[in-house]
Amino acid sequence: MDALLDWVFLAATGAIAWHGITFRDEEGERDWVRLLFGCIALIFALRVLAVDILGLPVFG
């Protein structure tokens, strides 16, 4: 059950990151708040992928 939750969290944060990083308004401008939260979501998604799913060690 815990592995399934990791995959669901990875999919959700990945979708949020994709939307936040690639979003543009009608004028073609990027919204800095969406870009910021997209980058934060990407960091969380990569952390879950590396540590919880792939089992890489955590340093620090």
PDB file of N, CA and C in Angstrom:
ATOM      1  N   MET A   1       0.823  -1.196   0.000  1.00  0.00           N
ATOM      2  CA  MET A   1       0.000   0.000   0.000  1.00  0.00           C
ATOM      3  C   MET A   1       0.864   1.255   0.000  1.00  0.00           C
ATOM      4  N   ASP A   2       1.991   1.216   0.710  1.00  0.00           N
ATOM      5  CA  ASP A   2       2.863   2.376   0.790  1.00  0.00           C
ATOM      6  C   ASP A   2       3.501   2.682  -0.564  1.00  0.00           C
ATOM      7  N   ALA A   3       3.842   1.643  -1.332  1.00  0.00           N
ATOM      8  CA  ALA A   3       4.423   1.852  -2.656  1.00  0.00           C
ATOM      9  C   ALA A   3       3.404   2.478  -3.598  1.00  0.00           C
ATOM     10  N   LEU A   4       2.155   2.079  -3.486  1.00  0.00           N
ATOM     11  CA  LEU A   4       1.110   2.669  -4.315  1.00  0.00           C
ATOM     12  C   LEU A   4       0.933   4.152  -3.996  1.00  0.00           C
ATOM     13  N   LEU A   5       0.999   4.492  -2.736  1.00  0.00           N
ATOM     14  CA  LEU A   5       0.885   5.887  -2.322  1.00  0.00           C
ATOM     15  C   LEU A   5       2.047   6.712  -2.859  1.00  0.00           C
ATOM     16  N   ASP A   6       3.247   6.139  -2.898  1.00  0.00           N
ATOM     17  CA  ASP A   6       4.395   6.836  -3.469  1.00  0.00           C
ATOM     18  C   ASP A   6       4.180   7.131  -4.945  1.00  0.00           C
ATOM     19  N   TRP A   7       3.653   6.173  -5.695  1.00  0.00           N
ATOM     20  CA  TRP A   7       3.398   6.374  -7.121  1.00  0.00           C
ATOM     21  C   TRP A   7       2.299   7.407  -7.358  1.00  0.00           C
ATOM     22  N   VAL A   8       1.271   7.399  -6.514  1.00  0.00           N
ATOM     23  CA  VAL A   8       0.206   8.394  -6.645  1.00  0.00           C
ATOM     24  C   VAL A   8       0.743   9.784  -6.343  1.00  0.00           C
ATOM     25  N   PHE A   9       1.552   9.911  -5.296  1.00  0.00           N
ATOM     26  CA  PHE A   9       2.158  11.193  -4.954  1.00  0.00           C
ATOM     27  C   PHE A   9       3.086  11.673  -6.063  1.00  0.00           C
ATOM     28  N   LEU A  10       3.852  10.757  -6.651  1.00  0.00           N
ATOM     29  CA  LEU A  10       4.748  11.105  -7.741  1.00  0.00           C
ATOM     30  C   LEU A  10       3.964  11.601  -8.955  1.00  0.00           C
ATOM     31  N   ALA A  11       2.872  10.933  -9.283  1.00  0.00           N
ATOM     32  CA  ALA A  11       2.049  11.355 -10.420  1.00  0.00           C
ATOM     33  C   ALA A  11       1.407  12.723 -10.170  1.00  0.00           C
ATOM     34  N   ALA A  12       0.913  12.939  -8.969  1.00  0.00           N
ATOM     35  CA  ALA A  12       0.257  14.211  -8.660  1.00  0.00           C
ATOM     36  C   ALA A  12       1.250  15.364  -8.663  1.00  0.00           C
ATOM     37  N   THR A  13       2.376  15.203  -8.005  1.00  0.00           N
ATOM     38  CA  THR A  13       3.356  16.287  -7.975  1.00  0.00           C
ATOM     39  C   THR A  13       3.999  16.485  -9.344  1.00  0.00           C
ATOM     40  N   GLY A  14       4.134  15.416 -10.105  1.00  0.00           N
ATOM     41  CA  GLY A  14       4.645  15.556 -11.468  1.00  0.00           C
ATOM     42  C   GLY A  14       3.703  16.349 -12.348  1.00  0.00           C
ATOM     43  N   ALA A  15       2.398  16.101 -12.204  1.00  0.00           N
ATOM     44  CA  ALA A  15       1.407  16.855 -12.977  1.00  0.00           C
ATOM     45  C   ALA A  15       1.390  18.321 -12.564  1.00  0.00           C
ATOM     46  N   ILE A  16       1.500  18.590 -11.282  1.00  0.00           N
ATOM     47  CA  ILE A  16       1.548  19.971 -10.799  1.00  0.00           C
ATOM     48  C   ILE A  16       2.807  20.664 -11.310  1.00  0.00           C
ATOM     49  N   ALA A  17       3.929  19.961 -11.271  1.00  0.00           N
ATOM     50  CA  ALA A  17       5.179  20.540 -11.758  1.00  0.00           C
ATOM     51  C   ALA A  17       5.099  20.826 -13.255  1.00  0.00           C
ATOM     52  N   TRP A  18       4.577  19.889 -14.032  1.00  0.00           N
ATOM     53  CA  TRP A  18       4.455  20.076 -15.475  1.00  0.00           C
ATOM     54  C   TRP A  18       3.577  21.294 -15.790  1.00  0.00           C
ATOM     55  N   HIS A  19       2.452  21.390 -15.114  1.00  0.00           N
ATOM     56  CA  HIS A  19       1.547  22.512 -15.347  1.00  0.00           C
ATOM     57  C   HIS A  19       2.192  23.835 -14.944  1.00  0.00           C
ATOM     58  N   GLY A  20       2.831  23.855 -13.796  1.00  0.00           N
ATOM     59  CA  GLY A  20       3.422  25.093 -13.305  1.00  0.00           C
ATOM     60  C   GLY A  20       4.588  25.575 -14.147  1.00  0.00           C
ATOM     61  N   ILE A  21       5.385  24.665 -14.659  1.00  0.00           N
ATOM     62  CA  ILE A  21       6.569  25.049 -15.419  1.00  0.00           C
ATOM     63  C   ILE A  21       6.211  25.422 -16.860  1.00  0.00           C
ATOM     64  N   THR A  22       5.229  24.767 -17.446  1.00  0.00           N
ATOM     65  CA  THR A  22       4.908  25.003 -18.856  1.00  0.00           C
ATOM     66  C   THR A  22       3.769  25.994 -19.071  1.00  0.00           C
ATOM     67  N   PHE A  23       3.154  26.519 -18.029  1.00  0.00           N
ATOM     68  CA  PHE A  23       1.996  27.402 -18.168  1.00  0.00           C
ATOM     69  C   PHE A  23       2.379  28.757 -18.747  1.00  0.00           C
ATOM     70  N   ARG A  24       1.557  29.246 -19.678  1.00  0.00           N
ATOM     71  CA  ARG A  24       1.668  30.602 -20.220  1.00  0.00           C
ATOM     72  C   ARG A  24       0.264  31.176 -20.339  1.00  0.00           C
ATOM     73  N   ASP A  25       0.130  32.471 -20.097  1.00  0.00           N
ATOM     74  CA  ASP A  25      -1.182  33.108 -20.210  1.00  0.00           C
ATOM     75  C   ASP A  25      -1.485  33.446 -21.674  1.00  0.00           C
ATOM     76  N   GLU A  26      -2.561  34.187 -21.905  1.00  0.00           N
ATOM     77  CA  GLU A  26      -2.995  34.506 -23.266  1.00  0.00           C
ATOM     78  C   GLU A  26      -1.957  35.327 -24.031  1.00  0.00           C
ATOM     79  N   GLU A  27      -1.183  36.114 -23.324  1.00  0.00           N
ATOM     80  CA  GLU A  27      -0.171  36.955 -23.953  1.00  0.00           C
ATOM     81  C   GLU A  27       1.169  36.254 -24.125  1.00  0.00           C
ATOM     82  N   GLY A  28       1.275  35.023 -23.676  1.00  0.00           N
ATOM     83  CA  GLY A  28       2.515  34.269 -23.789  1.00  0.00           C
ATOM     84  C   GLY A  28       3.492  34.482 -22.656  1.00  0.00           C
ATOM     85  N   GLU A  29       3.046  35.159 -21.610  1.00  0.00           N
ATOM     86  CA  GLU A  29       3.911  35.432 -20.459  1.00  0.00           C
ATOM     87  C   GLU A  29       3.792  34.323 -19.428  1.00  0.00           C
ATOM     88  N   ARG A  30       4.876  34.120 -18.702  1.00  0.00           N
ATOM     89  CA  ARG A  30       4.874  33.135 -17.620  1.00  0.00           C
ATOM     90  C   ARG A  30       4.459  33.804 -16.313  1.00  0.00           C
ATOM     91  N   ASP A  31       3.670  33.098 -15.526  1.00  0.00           N
ATOM     92  CA  ASP A  31       3.269  33.581 -14.206  1.00  0.00           C
ATOM     93  C   ASP A  31       4.319  33.101 -13.213  1.00  0.00           C
ATOM     94  N   TRP A  32       4.992  34.021 -12.521  1.00  0.00           N
ATOM     95  CA  TRP A  32       6.119  33.626 -11.671  1.00  0.00           C
ATOM     96  C   TRP A  32       5.678  32.791 -10.477  1.00  0.00           C
ATOM     97  N   VAL A  33       4.449  32.965 -10.009  1.00  0.00           N
ATOM     98  CA  VAL A  33       3.980  32.179  -8.863  1.00  0.00           C
ATOM     99  C   VAL A  33       3.787  30.717  -9.277  1.00  0.00           C
ATOM    100  N   ARG A  34       3.189  30.498 -10.445  1.00  0.00           N
ATOM    101  CA  ARG A  34       3.025  29.116 -10.926  1.00  0.00           C
ATOM    102  C   ARG A  34       4.364  28.482 -11.219  1.00  0.00           C
ATOM    103  N   LEU A  35       5.293  29.253 -11.760  1.00  0.00           N
ATOM    104  CA  LEU A  35       6.625  28.734 -12.030  1.00  0.00           C
ATOM    105  C   LEU A  35       7.334  28.351 -10.731  1.00  0.00           C
ATOM    106  N   LEU A  36       7.197  29.165  -9.706  1.00  0.00           N
ATOM    107  CA  LEU A  36       7.805  28.877  -8.410  1.00  0.00           C
ATOM    108  C   LEU A  36       7.242  27.587  -7.813  1.00  0.00           C
ATOM    109  N   PHE A  37       5.911  27.482  -7.770  1.00  0.00           N
ATOM    110  CA  PHE A  37       5.316  26.286  -7.185  1.00  0.00           C
ATOM    111  C   PHE A  37       5.520  25.058  -8.055  1.00  0.00           C
ATOM    112  N   GLY A  38       5.648  25.249  -9.362  1.00  0.00           N
ATOM    113  CA  GLY A  38       5.982  24.133 -10.242  1.00  0.00           C
ATOM    114  C   GLY A  38       7.371  23.590  -9.949  1.00  0.00           C
ATOM    115  N   CYS A  39       8.315  24.483  -9.700  1.00  0.00           N
ATOM    116  CA  CYS A  39       9.674  24.050  -9.358  1.00  0.00           C
ATOM    117  C   CYS A  39       9.718  23.369  -7.991  1.00  0.00           C
ATOM    118  N   ILE A  40       8.955  23.869  -7.048  1.00  0.00           N
ATOM    119  CA  ILE A  40       8.884  23.230  -5.728  1.00  0.00           C
ATOM    120  C   ILE A  40       8.279  21.835  -5.851  1.00  0.00           C
ATOM    121  N   ALA A  41       7.222  21.700  -6.650  1.00  0.00           N
ATOM    122  CA  ALA A  41       6.609  20.389  -6.861  1.00  0.00           C
ATOM    123  C   ALA A  41       7.576  19.440  -7.550  1.00  0.00           C
ATOM    124  N   LEU A  42       8.384  19.955  -8.480  1.00  0.00           N
ATOM    125  CA  LEU A  42       9.372  19.113  -9.154  1.00  0.00           C
ATOM    126  C   LEU A  42      10.411  18.590  -8.173  1.00  0.00           C
ATOM    127  N   ILE A  43      10.834  19.424  -7.241  1.00  0.00           N
ATOM    128  CA  ILE A  43      11.805  18.985  -6.230  1.00  0.00           C
ATOM    129  C   ILE A  43      11.214  17.866  -5.367  1.00  0.00           C
ATOM    130  N   PHE A  44       9.951  18.019  -4.945  1.00  0.00           N
ATOM    131  CA  PHE A  44       9.304  16.970  -4.161  1.00  0.00           C
ATOM    132  C   PHE A  44       9.151  15.692  -4.972  1.00  0.00           C
ATOM    133  N   ALA A  45       8.777  15.813  -6.243  1.00  0.00           N
ATOM    134  CA  ALA A  45       8.599  14.630  -7.087  1.00  0.00           C
ATOM    135  C   ALA A  45       9.930  13.899  -7.272  1.00  0.00           C
ATOM    136  N   LEU A  46      10.993  14.637  -7.513  1.00  0.00           N
ATOM    137  CA  LEU A  46      12.298  13.989  -7.690  1.00  0.00           C
ATOM    138  C   LEU A  46      12.786  13.347  -6.395  1.00  0.00           C
ATOM    139  N   ARG A  47      12.470  13.959  -5.260  1.00  0.00           N
ATOM    140  CA  ARG A  47      12.863  13.369  -3.975  1.00  0.00           C
ATOM    141  C   ARG A  47      12.142  12.048  -3.731  1.00  0.00           C
ATOM    142  N   VAL A  48      10.841  12.009  -4.005  1.00  0.00           N
ATOM    143  CA  VAL A  48      10.073  10.773  -3.817  1.00  0.00           C
ATOM    144  C   VAL A  48      10.561   9.704  -4.784  1.00  0.00           C
ATOM    145  N   LEU A  49      10.844  10.096  -6.028  1.00  0.00           N
ATOM    146  CA  LEU A  49      11.342   9.135  -7.004  1.00  0.00           C
ATOM    147  C   LEU A  49      12.686   8.559  -6.575  1.00  0.00           C
ATOM    148  N   ALA A  50      13.608   9.421  -6.183  1.00  0.00           N
ATOM    149  CA  ALA A  50      14.955   8.967  -5.855  1.00  0.00           C
ATOM    150  C   ALA A  50      15.013   8.174  -4.556  1.00  0.00           C
ATOM    151  N   VAL A  51      14.385   8.672  -3.511  1.00  0.00           N
ATOM    152  CA  VAL A  51      14.552   8.066  -2.184  1.00  0.00           C
ATOM    153  C   VAL A  51      13.534   6.962  -1.929  1.00  0.00           C
ATOM    154  N   ASP A  52      12.268   7.249  -2.149  1.00  0.00           N
ATOM    155  CA  ASP A  52      11.230   6.290  -1.774  1.00  0.00           C
ATOM    156  C   ASP A  52      11.021   5.190  -2.806  1.00  0.00           C
ATOM    157  N   ILE A  53      11.155   5.500  -4.083  1.00  0.00           N
ATOM    158  CA  ILE A  53      10.890   4.488  -5.107  1.00  0.00           C
ATOM    159  C   ILE A  53      12.172   3.781  -5.535  1.00  0.00           C
ATOM    160  N   LEU A  54      13.219   4.537  -5.860  1.00  0.00           N
ATOM    161  CA  LEU A  54      14.468   3.921  -6.307  1.00  0.00           C
ATOM    162  C   LEU A  54      15.347   3.461  -5.146  1.00  0.00           C
ATOM    163  N   GLY A  55      15.125   3.976  -3.961  1.00  0.00           N
ATOM    164  CA  GLY A  55      15.863   3.547  -2.787  1.00  0.00           C
ATOM    165  C   GLY A  55      17.275   4.086  -2.689  1.00  0.00           C
ATOM    166  N   LEU A  56      17.536   5.230  -3.288  1.00  0.00           N
ATOM    167  CA  LEU A  56      18.865   5.836  -3.181  1.00  0.00           C
ATOM    168  C   LEU A  56      19.056   6.394  -1.772  1.00  0.00           C
ATOM    169  N   PRO A  57      20.293   6.365  -1.271  1.00  0.00           N
ATOM    170  CA  PRO A  57      20.518   6.843   0.089  1.00  0.00           C
ATOM    171  C   PRO A  57      20.384   8.358   0.196  1.00  0.00           C
ATOM    172  N   VAL A  58      19.975   8.794   1.388  1.00  0.00           N
ATOM    173  CA  VAL A  58      19.857  10.226   1.675  1.00  0.00           C
ATOM    174  C   VAL A  58      21.117  10.675   2.376  1.00  0.00           C
ATOM    175  N   PHE A  59      21.713  11.731   1.856  1.00  0.00           N
ATOM    176  CA  PHE A  59      22.928  12.265   2.477  1.00  0.00           C
ATOM    177  C   PHE A  59      22.574  13.474   3.325  1.00  0.00           C
ATOM    178  N   GLY A  60      23.240  13.598   4.463  1.00  0.00           N
ATOM    179  CA  GLY A  60      23.021  14.763   5.320  1.00  0.00           C
ATOM    180  C   GLY A  60      22.222  14.392   6.459  1.00  0.00           C
TER     181      GLY A  60
END
